[in-house]
PDB file of N, CA and C in Angstrom:
ATOM      1  N   GLN A   1      -0.580  32.574  38.924  1.00  0.00           N
ATOM      2  CA  GLN A   1      -1.360  31.366  39.175  1.00  0.00           C
ATOM      3  C   GLN A   1      -1.297  30.476  37.942  1.00  0.00           C
ATOM      4  N   LEU A   2      -0.955  29.200  38.152  1.00  0.00           N
ATOM      5  CA  LEU A   2      -0.843  28.266  37.047  1.00  0.00           C
ATOM      6  C   LEU A   2      -2.195  27.620  36.802  1.00  0.00           C
ATOM      7  N   GLN A   3      -2.727  27.776  35.612  1.00  0.00           N
ATOM      8  CA  GLN A   3      -4.017  27.175  35.347  1.00  0.00           C
ATOM      9  C   GLN A   3      -4.258  26.963  33.865  1.00  0.00           C
ATOM     10  N   LEU A   4      -5.180  26.023  33.594  1.00  0.00           N
ATOM     11  CA  LEU A   4      -5.693  25.792  32.262  1.00  0.00           C
ATOM     12  C   LEU A   4      -7.133  26.263  32.230  1.00  0.00           C
ATOM     13  N   VAL A   5      -7.507  26.919  31.167  1.00  0.00           N
ATOM     14  CA  VAL A   5      -8.877  27.416  31.050  1.00  0.00           C
ATOM     15  C   VAL A   5      -9.455  26.958  29.718  1.00  0.00           C
ATOM     16  N   GLU A   6     -10.545  26.181  29.802  1.00  0.00           N
ATOM     17  CA  GLU A   6     -11.234  25.755  28.597  1.00  0.00           C
ATOM     18  C   GLU A   6     -12.327  26.765  28.241  1.00  0.00           C
ATOM     19  N   SER A   7     -12.611  26.857  26.972  1.00  0.00           N
ATOM     20  CA  SER A   7     -13.694  27.699  26.489  1.00  0.00           C
ATOM     21  C   SER A   7     -14.211  27.130  25.179  1.00  0.00           C
ATOM     22  N   GLY A   8     -15.352  27.639  24.750  1.00  0.00           N
ATOM     23  CA  GLY A   8     -15.896  27.237  23.463  1.00  0.00           C
ATOM     24  C   GLY A   8     -17.059  26.276  23.530  1.00  0.00           C
ATOM     25  N   GLY A   9     -17.393  25.828  24.726  1.00  0.00           N
ATOM     26  CA  GLY A   9     -18.525  24.925  24.851  1.00  0.00           C
ATOM     27  C   GLY A   9     -19.840  25.660  24.634  1.00  0.00           C
ATOM     28  N   GLY A  10     -20.912  24.893  24.569  1.00  0.00           N
ATOM     29  CA  GLY A  10     -22.224  25.492  24.387  1.00  0.00           C
ATOM     30  C   GLY A  10     -23.234  24.483  23.933  1.00  0.00           C
ATOM     31  N   LEU A  11     -24.364  24.995  23.488  1.00  0.00           N
ATOM     32  CA  LEU A  11     -25.455  24.172  22.986  1.00  0.00           C
ATOM     33  C   LEU A  11     -25.421  24.176  21.460  1.00  0.00           C
ATOM     34  N   VAL A  12     -25.464  22.999  20.877  1.00  0.00           N
ATOM     35  CA  VAL A  12     -25.414  22.885  19.417  1.00  0.00           C
ATOM     36  C   VAL A  12     -26.354  21.780  18.982  1.00  0.00           C
ATOM     37  N   GLN A  13     -26.903  21.910  17.800  1.00  0.00           N
ATOM     38  CA  GLN A  13     -27.797  20.869  17.267  1.00  0.00           C
ATOM     39  C   GLN A  13     -26.994  19.694  16.745  1.00  0.00           C
ATOM     40  N   PRO A  14     -27.595  18.520  16.718  1.00  0.00           N
ATOM     41  CA  PRO A  14     -26.906  17.368  16.120  1.00  0.00           C
ATOM     42  C   PRO A  14     -26.445  17.697  14.706  1.00  0.00           C
ATOM     43  N   GLY A  15     -25.227  17.274  14.399  1.00  0.00           N
ATOM     44  CA  GLY A  15     -24.630  17.581  13.111  1.00  0.00           C
ATOM     45  C   GLY A  15     -23.837  18.867  13.087  1.00  0.00           C
ATOM     46  N   GLY A  16     -23.938  19.643  14.148  1.00  0.00           N
ATOM     47  CA  GLY A  16     -23.237  20.912  14.224  1.00  0.00           C
ATOM     48  C   GLY A  16     -21.793  20.769  14.650  1.00  0.00           C
ATOM     49  N   SER A  17     -21.143  21.917  14.810  1.00  0.00           N
ATOM     50  CA  SER A  17     -19.723  21.949  15.147  1.00  0.00           C
ATOM     51  C   SER A  17     -19.450  22.920  16.291  1.00  0.00           C
ATOM     52  N   LEU A  18     -18.410  22.624  17.025  1.00  0.00           N
ATOM     53  CA  LEU A  18     -17.877  23.519  18.039  1.00  0.00           C
ATOM     54  C   LEU A  18     -16.370  23.394  18.029  1.00  0.00           C
ATOM     55  N   ARG A  19     -15.700  24.461  18.446  1.00  0.00           N
ATOM     56  CA  ARG A  19     -14.260  24.386  18.642  1.00  0.00           C
ATOM     57  C   ARG A  19     -13.955  24.765  20.081  1.00  0.00           C
ATOM     58  N   LEU A  20     -13.380  23.822  20.792  1.00  0.00           N
ATOM     59  CA  LEU A  20     -12.972  24.066  22.163  1.00  0.00           C
ATOM     60  C   LEU A  20     -11.535  24.567  22.184  1.00  0.00           C
ATOM     61  N   SER A  21     -11.266  25.447  23.130  1.00  0.00           N
ATOM     62  CA  SER A  21      -9.909  25.950  23.328  1.00  0.00           C
ATOM     63  C   SER A  21      -9.462  25.633  24.749  1.00  0.00           C
ATOM     64  N   CYS A  22      -8.196  25.401  24.891  1.00  0.00           N
ATOM     65  CA  CYS A  22      -7.579  25.154  26.193  1.00  0.00           C
ATOM     66  C   CYS A  22      -6.368  26.062  26.272  1.00  0.00           C
ATOM     67  N   ALA A  23      -6.467  27.095  27.067  1.00  0.00           N
ATOM     68  CA  ALA A  23      -5.401  28.080  27.165  1.00  0.00           C
ATOM     69  C   ALA A  23      -4.716  27.974  28.521  1.00  0.00           C
ATOM     70  N   ALA A  24      -3.404  28.087  28.497  1.00  0.00           N
ATOM     71  CA  ALA A  24      -2.632  28.030  29.734  1.00  0.00           C
ATOM     72  C   ALA A  24      -2.256  29.427  30.181  1.00  0.00           C
ATOM     73  N   SER A  25      -2.276  29.622  31.472  1.00  0.00           N
ATOM     74  CA  SER A  25      -1.774  30.881  32.019  1.00  0.00           C
ATOM     75  C   SER A  25      -0.815  30.557  33.152  1.00  0.00           C
ATOM     76  N   GLY A  26       0.250  31.323  33.201  1.00  0.00           N
ATOM     77  CA  GLY A  26       1.239  31.129  34.255  1.00  0.00           C
ATOM     78  C   GLY A  26       2.325  30.132  33.904  1.00  0.00           C
ATOM     79  N   PHE A  27       2.166  29.443  32.776  1.00  0.00           N
ATOM     80  CA  PHE A  27       3.196  28.514  32.347  1.00  0.00           C
ATOM     81  C   PHE A  27       3.047  28.295  30.838  1.00  0.00           C
ATOM     82  N   THR A  28       4.097  27.764  30.229  1.00  0.00           N
ATOM     83  CA  THR A  28       4.056  27.508  28.801  1.00  0.00           C
ATOM     84  C   THR A  28       3.716  26.043  28.535  1.00  0.00           C
ATOM     85  N   LEU A  29       2.908  25.843  27.509  1.00  0.00           N
ATOM     86  CA  LEU A  29       2.498  24.486  27.154  1.00  0.00           C
ATOM     87  C   LEU A  29       3.514  23.770  26.264  1.00  0.00           C
ATOM     88  N   ASP A  30       4.597  24.434  25.914  1.00  0.00           N
ATOM     89  CA  ASP A  30       5.523  23.907  24.903  1.00  0.00           C
ATOM     90  C   ASP A  30       5.964  22.471  25.182  1.00  0.00           C
ATOM     91  N   TYR A  31       6.172  22.144  26.445  1.00  0.00           N
ATOM     92  CA  TYR A  31       6.746  20.838  26.768  1.00  0.00           C
ATOM     93  C   TYR A  31       5.707  19.841  27.285  1.00  0.00           C
ATOM     94  N   TYR A  32       4.443  20.226  27.196  1.00  0.00           N
ATOM     95  CA  TYR A  32       3.386  19.394  27.743  1.00  0.00           C
ATOM     96  C   TYR A  32       2.630  18.664  26.636  1.00  0.00           C
ATOM     97  N   ALA A  33       2.416  17.375  26.842  1.00  0.00           N
ATOM     98  CA  ALA A  33       1.410  16.683  26.057  1.00  0.00           C
ATOM     99  C   ALA A  33       0.053  17.111  26.595  1.00  0.00           C
ATOM    100  N   ILE A  34      -0.921  17.216  25.721  1.00  0.00           N
ATOM    101  CA  ILE A  34      -2.246  17.694  26.112  1.00  0.00           C
ATOM    102  C   ILE A  34      -3.291  16.651  25.746  1.00  0.00           C
ATOM    103  N   GLY A  35      -4.179  16.418  26.691  1.00  0.00           N
ATOM    104  CA  GLY A  35      -5.292  15.507  26.429  1.00  0.00           C
ATOM    105  C   GLY A  35      -6.609  16.211  26.641  1.00  0.00           C
ATOM    106  N   TRP A  36      -7.578  15.810  25.854  1.00  0.00           N
ATOM    107  CA  TRP A  36      -8.971  16.224  26.084  1.00  0.00           C
ATOM    108  C   TRP A  36      -9.725  15.011  26.627  1.00  0.00           C
ATOM    109  N   PHE A  37     -10.470  15.249  27.690  1.00  0.00           N
ATOM    110  CA  PHE A  37     -11.288  14.223  28.313  1.00  0.00           C
ATOM    111  C   PHE A  37     -12.712  14.748  28.388  1.00  0.00           C
ATOM    112  N   ARG A  38     -13.645  13.855  28.595  1.00  0.00           N
ATOM    113  CA  ARG A  38     -15.023  14.287  28.793  1.00  0.00           C
ATOM    114  C   ARG A  38     -15.695  13.386  29.818  1.00  0.00           C
ATOM    115  N   GLN A  39     -16.700  13.961  30.452  1.00  0.00           N
ATOM    116  CA  GLN A  39     -17.459  13.215  31.442  1.00  0.00           C
ATOM    117  C   GLN A  39     -18.936  13.561  31.302  1.00  0.00           C
ATOM    118  N   ALA A  40     -19.714  12.548  30.967  1.00  0.00           N
ATOM    119  CA  ALA A  40     -21.152  12.700  30.856  1.00  0.00           C
ATOM    120  C   ALA A  40     -21.790  12.366  32.208  1.00  0.00           C
ATOM    121  N   PRO A  41     -22.984  12.875  32.467  1.00  0.00           N
ATOM    122  CA  PRO A  41     -23.645  12.605  33.749  1.00  0.00           C
ATOM    123  C   PRO A  41     -23.766  11.103  34.012  1.00  0.00           C
ATOM    124  N   GLY A  42     -23.342  10.688  35.186  1.00  0.00           N
ATOM    125  CA  GLY A  42     -23.452   9.295  35.572  1.00  0.00           C
ATOM    126  C   GLY A  42     -22.420   8.378  34.960  1.00  0.00           C
ATOM    127  N   LYS A  43     -21.474   8.953  34.222  1.00  0.00           N
ATOM    128  CA  LYS A  43     -20.445   8.140  33.573  1.00  0.00           C
ATOM    129  C   LYS A  43     -19.057   8.546  34.046  1.00  0.00           C
ATOM    130  N   GLU A  44     -18.115   7.648  33.824  1.00  0.00           N
ATOM    131  CA  GLU A  44     -16.731   7.944  34.185  1.00  0.00           C
ATOM    132  C   GLU A  44     -16.111   8.893  33.141  1.00  0.00           C
ATOM    133  N   ARG A  45     -15.113   9.606  33.589  1.00  0.00           N
ATOM    134  CA  ARG A  45     -14.380  10.469  32.670  1.00  0.00           C
ATOM    135  C   ARG A  45     -13.635   9.587  31.665  1.00  0.00           C
ATOM    136  N   GLU A  46     -13.674   9.976  30.401  1.00  0.00           N
ATOM    137  CA  GLU A  46     -13.028   9.196  29.360  1.00  0.00           C
ATOM    138  C   GLU A  46     -12.132  10.070  28.495  1.00  0.00           C
ATOM    139  N   GLY A  47     -11.086   9.469  27.973  1.00  0.00           N
ATOM    140  CA  GLY A  47     -10.202  10.182  27.080  1.00  0.00           C
ATOM    141  C   GLY A  47     -10.813  10.342  25.706  1.00  0.00           C
ATOM    142  N   VAL A  48     -10.645  11.511  25.136  1.00  0.00           N
ATOM    143  CA  VAL A  48     -11.195  11.814  23.813  1.00  0.00           C
ATOM    144  C   VAL A  48     -10.085  11.900  22.774  1.00  0.00           C
ATOM    145  N   SER A  49      -9.053  12.655  23.107  1.00  0.00           N
ATOM    146  CA  SER A  49      -7.980  12.878  22.149  1.00  0.00           C
ATOM    147  C   SER A  49      -6.757  13.388  22.894  1.00  0.00           C
ATOM    148  N   CYS A  50      -5.591  13.212  22.289  1.00  0.00           N
ATOM    149  CA  CYS A  50      -4.375  13.755  22.886  1.00  0.00           C
ATOM    150  C   CYS A  50      -3.411  14.148  21.782  1.00  0.00           C
ATOM    151  N   ILE A  51      -2.486  15.024  22.155  1.00  0.00           N
ATOM    152  CA  ILE A  51      -1.486  15.511  21.198  1.00  0.00           C
ATOM    153  C   ILE A  51      -0.160  15.645  21.916  1.00  0.00           C
ATOM    154  N   SER A  52       0.902  15.294  21.221  1.00  0.00           N
ATOM    155  CA  SER A  52       2.229  15.373  21.814  1.00  0.00           C
ATOM    156  C   SER A  52       2.665  16.828  21.947  1.00  0.00           C
ATOM    157  N   SER A  53       3.743  17.043  22.678  1.00  0.00           N
ATOM    158  CA  SER A  53       4.219  18.408  22.905  1.00  0.00           C
ATOM    159  C   SER A  53       4.587  19.104  21.592  1.00  0.00           C
ATOM    160  N   SER A  54       5.116  18.353  20.645  1.00  0.00           N
ATOM    161  CA  SER A  54       5.504  18.934  19.362  1.00  0.00           C
ATOM    162  C   SER A  54       4.334  19.073  18.404  1.00  0.00           C
ATOM    163  N   GLY A  55       3.256  18.367  18.709  1.00  0.00           N
ATOM    164  CA  GLY A  55       2.116  18.343  17.795  1.00  0.00           C
ATOM    165  C   GLY A  55       2.244  17.295  16.714  1.00  0.00           C
ATOM    166  N   GLY A  56       3.336  16.557  16.733  1.00  0.00           N
ATOM    167  CA  GLY A  56       3.567  15.591  15.674  1.00  0.00           C
ATOM    168  C   GLY A  56       2.822  14.282  15.823  1.00  0.00           C
ATOM    169  N   SER A  57       2.259  14.051  16.979  1.00  0.00           N
ATOM    170  CA  SER A  57       1.553  12.800  17.225  1.00  0.00           C
ATOM    171  C   SER A  57       0.203  13.098  17.865  1.00  0.00           C
ATOM    172  N   THR A  58      -0.824  12.490  17.321  1.00  0.00           N
ATOM    173  CA  THR A  58      -2.172  12.661  17.869  1.00  0.00           C
ATOM    174  C   THR A  58      -2.858  11.310  17.978  1.00  0.00           C
ATOM    175  N   ASN A  59      -3.805  11.229  18.876  1.00  0.00           N
ATOM    176  CA  ASN A  59      -4.604  10.022  19.036  1.00  0.00           C
ATOM    177  C   ASN A  59      -6.048  10.407  19.334  1.00  0.00           C
ATOM    178  N   TYR A  60      -6.958   9.515  18.954  1.00  0.00           N
ATOM    179  CA  TYR A  60      -8.377   9.772  19.148  1.00  0.00           C
ATOM    180  C   TYR A  60      -9.084   8.523  19.647  1.00  0.00           C
ATOM    181  N   ALA A  61     -10.092   8.734  20.461  1.00  0.00           N
ATOM    182  CA  ALA A  61     -10.970   7.636  20.825  1.00  0.00           C
ATOM    183  C   ALA A  61     -11.733   7.193  19.578  1.00  0.00           C
ATOM    184  N   ASP A  62     -12.050   5.906  19.509  1.00  0.00           N
ATOM    185  CA  ASP A  62     -12.765   5.399  18.339  1.00  0.00           C
ATOM    186  C   ASP A  62     -14.084   6.151  18.117  1.00  0.00           C
ATOM    187  N   SER A  63     -14.711   6.552  19.193  1.00  0.00           N
ATOM    188  CA  SER A  63     -16.020   7.195  19.101  1.00  0.00           C
ATOM    189  C   SER A  63     -15.984   8.564  18.423  1.00  0.00           C
ATOM    190  N   VAL A  64     -14.788   9.168  18.332  1.00  0.00           N
ATOM    191  CA  VAL A  64     -14.697  10.515  17.742  1.00  0.00           C
ATOM    192  C   VAL A  64     -13.814  10.569  16.512  1.00  0.00           C
ATOM    193  N   LYS A  65     -13.200   9.456  16.157  1.00  0.00           N
ATOM    194  CA  LYS A  65     -12.313   9.445  14.982  1.00  0.00           C
ATOM    195  C   LYS A  65     -13.065   9.880  13.734  1.00  0.00           C
ATOM    196  N   GLY A  66     -12.420  10.748  12.974  1.00  0.00           N
ATOM    197  CA  GLY A  66     -13.034  11.241  11.751  1.00  0.00           C
ATOM    198  C   GLY A  66     -13.958  12.425  11.962  1.00  0.00           C
ATOM    199  N   ARG A  67     -14.265  12.730  13.217  1.00  0.00           N
ATOM    200  CA  ARG A  67     -15.154  13.862  13.508  1.00  0.00           C
ATOM    201  C   ARG A  67     -14.449  14.965  14.288  1.00  0.00           C
ATOM    202  N   PHE A  68     -13.527  14.587  15.159  1.00  0.00           N
ATOM    203  CA  PHE A  68     -12.819  15.547  16.004  1.00  0.00           C
ATOM    204  C   PHE A  68     -11.376  15.680  15.522  1.00  0.00           C
ATOM    205  N   THR A  69     -10.833  16.880  15.681  1.00  0.00           N
ATOM    206  CA  THR A  69      -9.436  17.126  15.338  1.00  0.00           C
ATOM    207  C   THR A  69      -8.789  17.944  16.451  1.00  0.00           C
ATOM    208  N   ILE A  70      -7.688  17.435  16.963  1.00  0.00           N
ATOM    209  CA  ILE A  70      -6.939  18.154  17.991  1.00  0.00           C
ATOM    210  C   ILE A  70      -5.765  18.858  17.326  1.00  0.00           C
ATOM    211  N   SER A  71      -5.458  20.056  17.801  1.00  0.00           N
ATOM    212  CA  SER A  71      -4.324  20.797  17.265  1.00  0.00           C
ATOM    213  C   SER A  71      -3.797  21.713  18.365  1.00  0.00           C
ATOM    214  N   ARG A  72      -2.631  22.244  18.117  1.00  0.00           N
ATOM    215  CA  ARG A  72      -2.048  23.155  19.111  1.00  0.00           C
ATOM    216  C   ARG A  72      -1.327  24.292  18.417  1.00  0.00           C
ATOM    217  N   ASP A  73      -1.330  25.429  19.088  1.00  0.00           N
ATOM    218  CA  ASP A  73      -0.601  26.599  18.632  1.00  0.00           C
ATOM    219  C   ASP A  73       0.244  27.042  19.818  1.00  0.00           C
ATOM    220  N   ASN A  74       1.469  26.594  19.858  1.00  0.00           N
ATOM    221  CA  ASN A  74       2.328  26.895  21.002  1.00  0.00           C
ATOM    222  C   ASN A  74       2.607  28.392  21.107  1.00  0.00           C
ATOM    223  N   ALA A  75       2.579  29.089  19.999  1.00  0.00           N
ATOM    224  CA  ALA A  75       2.792  30.539  20.043  1.00  0.00           C
ATOM    225  C   ALA A  75       1.673  31.232  20.813  1.00  0.00           C
ATOM    226  N   LYS A  76       0.479  30.641  20.751  1.00  0.00           N
ATOM    227  CA  LYS A  76      -0.659  31.199  21.480  1.00  0.00           C
ATOM    228  C   LYS A  76      -0.894  30.485  22.803  1.00  0.00           C
ATOM    229  N   ASN A  77      -0.023  29.486  23.077  1.00  0.00           N
ATOM    230  CA  ASN A  77      -0.142  28.745  24.342  1.00  0.00           C
ATOM    231  C   ASN A  77      -1.525  28.122  24.493  1.00  0.00           C
ATOM    232  N   THR A  78      -2.018  27.588  23.378  1.00  0.00           N
ATOM    233  CA  THR A  78      -3.398  27.104  23.342  1.00  0.00           C
ATOM    234  C   THR A  78      -3.483  25.804  22.543  1.00  0.00           C
ATOM    235  N   VAL A  79      -4.358  24.932  23.003  1.00  0.00           N
ATOM    236  CA  VAL A  79      -4.674  23.696  22.292  1.00  0.00           C
ATOM    237  C   VAL A  79      -6.156  23.740  21.944  1.00  0.00           C
ATOM    238  N   TYR A  80      -6.487  23.181  20.789  1.00  0.00           N
ATOM    239  CA  TYR A  80      -7.858  23.232  20.296  1.00  0.00           C
ATOM    240  C   TYR A  80      -8.405  21.820  20.083  1.00  0.00           C
ATOM    241  N   LEU A  81      -9.716  21.732  20.159  1.00  0.00           N
ATOM    242  CA  LEU A  81     -10.415  20.513  19.770  1.00  0.00           C
ATOM    243  C   LEU A  81     -11.563  20.925  18.864  1.00  0.00           C
ATOM    244  N   GLN A  82     -11.382  20.682  17.572  1.00  0.00           N
ATOM    245  CA  GLN A  82     -12.441  20.958  16.609  1.00  0.00           C
ATOM    246  C   GLN A  82     -13.370  19.756  16.565  1.00  0.00           C
ATOM    247  N   MET A  83     -14.637  20.008  16.836  1.00  0.00           N
ATOM    248  CA  MET A  83     -15.614  18.929  16.903  1.00  0.00           C
ATOM    249  C   MET A  83     -16.675  19.143  15.829  1.00  0.00           C
ATOM    250  N   ASN A  84     -16.736  18.227  14.890  1.00  0.00           N
ATOM    251  CA  ASN A  84     -17.699  18.296  13.801  1.00  0.00           C
ATOM    252  C   ASN A  84     -18.671  17.122  13.888  1.00  0.00           C
ATOM    253  N   SER A  85     -19.764  17.233  13.165  1.00  0.00           N
ATOM    254  CA  SER A  85     -20.773  16.164  13.114  1.00  0.00           C
ATOM    255  C   SER A  85     -21.141  15.703  14.516  1.00  0.00           C
ATOM    256  N   LEU A  86     -21.416  16.649  15.359  1.00  0.00           N
ATOM    257  CA  LEU A  86     -21.684  16.319  16.758  1.00  0.00           C
ATOM    258  C   LEU A  86     -22.958  15.508  16.914  1.00  0.00           C
ATOM    259  N   LYS A  87     -22.924  14.609  17.887  1.00  0.00           N
ATOM    260  CA  LYS A  87     -24.039  13.714  18.181  1.00  0.00           C
ATOM    261  C   LYS A  87     -24.505  13.949  19.620  1.00  0.00           C
ATOM    262  N   PRO A  88     -25.726  13.596  19.921  1.00  0.00           N
ATOM    263  CA  PRO A  88     -26.207  13.749  21.305  1.00  0.00           C
ATOM    264  C   PRO A  88     -25.303  13.035  22.319  1.00  0.00           C
ATOM    265  N   GLU A  89     -24.718  11.927  21.920  1.00  0.00           N
ATOM    266  CA  GLU A  89     -23.860  11.195  22.846  1.00  0.00           C
ATOM    267  C   GLU A  89     -22.521  11.884  23.101  1.00  0.00           C
ATOM    268  N   ASP A  90     -22.261  12.967  22.387  1.00  0.00           N
ATOM    269  CA  ASP A  90     -21.063  13.776  22.678  1.00  0.00           C
ATOM    270  C   ASP A  90     -21.301  14.757  23.830  1.00  0.00           C
ATOM    271  N   THR A  91     -22.537  14.833  24.287  1.00  0.00           N
ATOM    272  CA  THR A  91     -22.861  15.728  25.390  1.00  0.00           C
ATOM    273  C   THR A  91     -22.085  15.342  26.641  1.00  0.00           C
ATOM    274  N   ALA A  92     -21.364  16.304  27.191  1.00  0.00           N
ATOM    275  CA  ALA A  92     -20.526  16.038  28.366  1.00  0.00           C
ATOM    276  C   ALA A  92     -19.839  17.333  28.778  1.00  0.00           C
ATOM    277  N   VAL A  93     -19.197  17.292  29.916  1.00  0.00           N
ATOM    278  CA  VAL A  93     -18.254  18.342  30.288  1.00  0.00           C
ATOM    279  C   VAL A  93     -16.890  17.922  29.745  1.00  0.00           C
ATOM    280  N   TYR A  94     -16.268  18.810  29.014  1.00  0.00           N
ATOM    281  CA  TYR A  94     -14.981  18.534  28.384  1.00  0.00           C
ATOM    282  C   TYR A  94     -13.872  19.224  29.179  1.00  0.00           C
ATOM    283  N   TYR A  95     -12.836  18.459  29.456  1.00  0.00           N
ATOM    284  CA  TYR A  95     -11.702  18.938  30.234  1.00  0.00           C
ATOM    285  C   TYR A  95     -10.418  18.784  29.426  1.00  0.00           C
ATOM    286  N   CYS A  96      -9.517  19.719  29.598  1.00  0.00           N
ATOM    287  CA  CYS A  96      -8.197  19.511  29.043  1.00  0.00           C
ATOM    288  C   CYS A  96      -7.217  19.223  30.190  1.00  0.00           C
ATOM    289  N   TYR A  97      -6.164  18.522  29.824  1.00  0.00           N
ATOM    290  CA  TYR A  97      -5.183  18.053  30.801  1.00  0.00           C
ATOM    291  C   TYR A  97      -3.802  18.226  30.199  1.00  0.00           C
ATOM    292  N   ALA A  98      -2.927  18.882  30.933  1.00  0.00           N
ATOM    293  CA  ALA A  98      -1.551  19.098  30.489  1.00  0.00           C
ATOM    294  C   ALA A  98      -0.623  18.198  31.300  1.00  0.00           C
ATOM    295  N   ASP A  99       0.176  17.446  30.599  1.00  0.00           N
ATOM    296  CA  ASP A  99       1.014  16.455  31.271  1.00  0.00           C
ATOM    297  C   ASP A  99       2.474  16.601  30.858  1.00  0.00           C
ATOM    298  N   TRP A 100       3.336  16.758  31.846  1.00  0.00           N
ATOM    299  CA  TRP A 100       4.776  16.757  31.587  1.00  0.00           C
ATOM    300  C   TRP A 100       5.418  15.818  32.584  1.00  0.00           C
ATOM    301  N   GLY A 101       4.992  14.602  32.595  1.00  0.00           N
ATOM    302  CA  GLY A 101       5.582  13.571  33.425  1.00  0.00           C
ATOM    303  C   GLY A 101       5.678  13.983  34.883  1.00  0.00           C
ATOM    304  N   THR A 102       6.853  13.835  35.442  1.00  0.00           N
ATOM    305  CA  THR A 102       7.063  14.143  36.849  1.00  0.00           C
ATOM    306  C   THR A 102       7.249  15.638  37.099  1.00  0.00           C
ATOM    307  N   VAL A 103       7.353  16.414  36.024  1.00  0.00           N
ATOM    308  CA  VAL A 103       7.546  17.861  36.194  1.00  0.00           C
ATOM    309  C   VAL A 103       6.272  18.517  36.675  1.00  0.00           C
ATOM    310  N   GLY A 104       5.151  18.119  36.061  1.00  0.00           N
ATOM    311  CA  GLY A 104       3.889  18.713  36.489  1.00  0.00           C
ATOM    312  C   GLY A 104       2.750  18.330  35.577  1.00  0.00           C
ATOM    313  N   ASN A 105       1.552  18.432  36.091  1.00  0.00           N
ATOM    314  CA  ASN A 105       0.359  18.203  35.291  1.00  0.00           C
ATOM    315  C   ASN A 105      -0.783  19.031  35.858  1.00  0.00           C
ATOM    316  N   TYR A 106      -1.689  19.414  34.971  1.00  0.00           N
ATOM    317  CA  TYR A 106      -2.768  20.329  35.348  1.00  0.00           C
ATOM    318  C   TYR A 106      -4.061  19.935  34.644  1.00  0.00           C
ATOM    319  N   TRP A 107      -5.166  20.144  35.341  1.00  0.00           N
ATOM    320  CA  TRP A 107      -6.492  19.979  34.772  1.00  0.00           C
ATOM    321  C   TRP A 107      -7.153  21.343  34.641  1.00  0.00           C
ATOM    322  N   GLY A 108      -7.941  21.504  33.589  1.00  0.00           N
ATOM    323  CA  GLY A 108      -8.793  22.671  33.496  1.00  0.00           C
ATOM    324  C   GLY A 108     -10.075  22.458  34.275  1.00  0.00           C
ATOM    325  N   GLN A 109     -10.909  23.479  34.289  1.00  0.00           N
ATOM    326  CA  GLN A 109     -12.144  23.429  35.084  1.00  0.00           C
ATOM    327  C   GLN A 109     -13.303  22.812  34.311  1.00  0.00           C
ATOM    328  N   GLY A 110     -13.146  22.673  33.020  1.00  0.00           N
ATOM    329  CA  GLY A 110     -14.172  22.044  32.193  1.00  0.00           C
ATOM    330  C   GLY A 110     -15.074  23.041  31.500  1.00  0.00           C
ATOM    331  N   THR A 111     -15.606  22.608  30.363  1.00  0.00           N
ATOM    332  CA  THR A 111     -16.575  23.401  29.619  1.00  0.00           C
ATOM    333  C   THR A 111     -17.690  22.470  29.144  1.00  0.00           C
ATOM    334  N   GLN A 112     -18.928  22.912  29.293  1.00  0.00           N
ATOM    335  CA  GLN A 112     -20.074  22.068  28.977  1.00  0.00           C
ATOM    336  C   GLN A 112     -20.363  22.084  27.479  1.00  0.00           C
ATOM    337  N   VAL A 113     -20.521  20.911  26.922  1.00  0.00           N
ATOM    338  CA  VAL A 113     -20.976  20.752  25.540  1.00  0.00           C
ATOM    339  C   VAL A 113     -22.292  19.988  25.570  1.00  0.00           C
ATOM    340  N   THR A 114     -23.314  20.576  24.989  1.00  0.00           N
ATOM    341  CA  THR A 114     -24.627  19.936  24.925  1.00  0.00           C
ATOM    342  C   THR A 114     -25.073  19.858  23.480  1.00  0.00           C
ATOM    343  N   VAL A 115     -25.344  18.648  23.025  1.00  0.00           N
ATOM    344  CA  VAL A 115     -25.794  18.426  21.648  1.00  0.00           C
ATOM    345  C   VAL A 115     -27.247  17.979  21.711  1.00  0.00           C
ATOM    346  N   SER A 116     -28.102  18.848  21.259  1.00  0.00           N
ATOM    347  CA  SER A 116     -29.534  18.573  21.368  1.00  0.00           C
ATOM    348  C   SER A 116     -30.309  19.407  20.366  1.00  0.00           C
ATOM    349  N   SER A 117     -31.413  18.835  19.886  1.00  0.00           N
ATOM    350  CA  SER A 117     -32.283  19.585  18.988  1.00  0.00           C
ATOM    351  C   SER A 117     -33.404  20.274  19.771  1.00  0.00           C
TER     352      SER A 117
END
């Protein structure tokens, strides 16, 4: 079964950190660009960060620049999102997305991140 599985979400206080993981099963992520998206209640899903298949290129939403870092370990078939200095407005369900153009693309099921004191 081809799937992406996110993990690492949870409840954290403002200013805290979490590291999300996105692991692939049934296929290799080597040739896929990976994006992290999030969706807060009542809001549209928005892009947070993305990384190229080689890991040589990354991009971030302005709202998370300087606080979040995306990385990948192709040997572990996993992509990470390190989130520091978390704010209440970062509260959302976080999804990873694997994209290889017309070859295929996959969404994970999401992991909840709640930033609250």
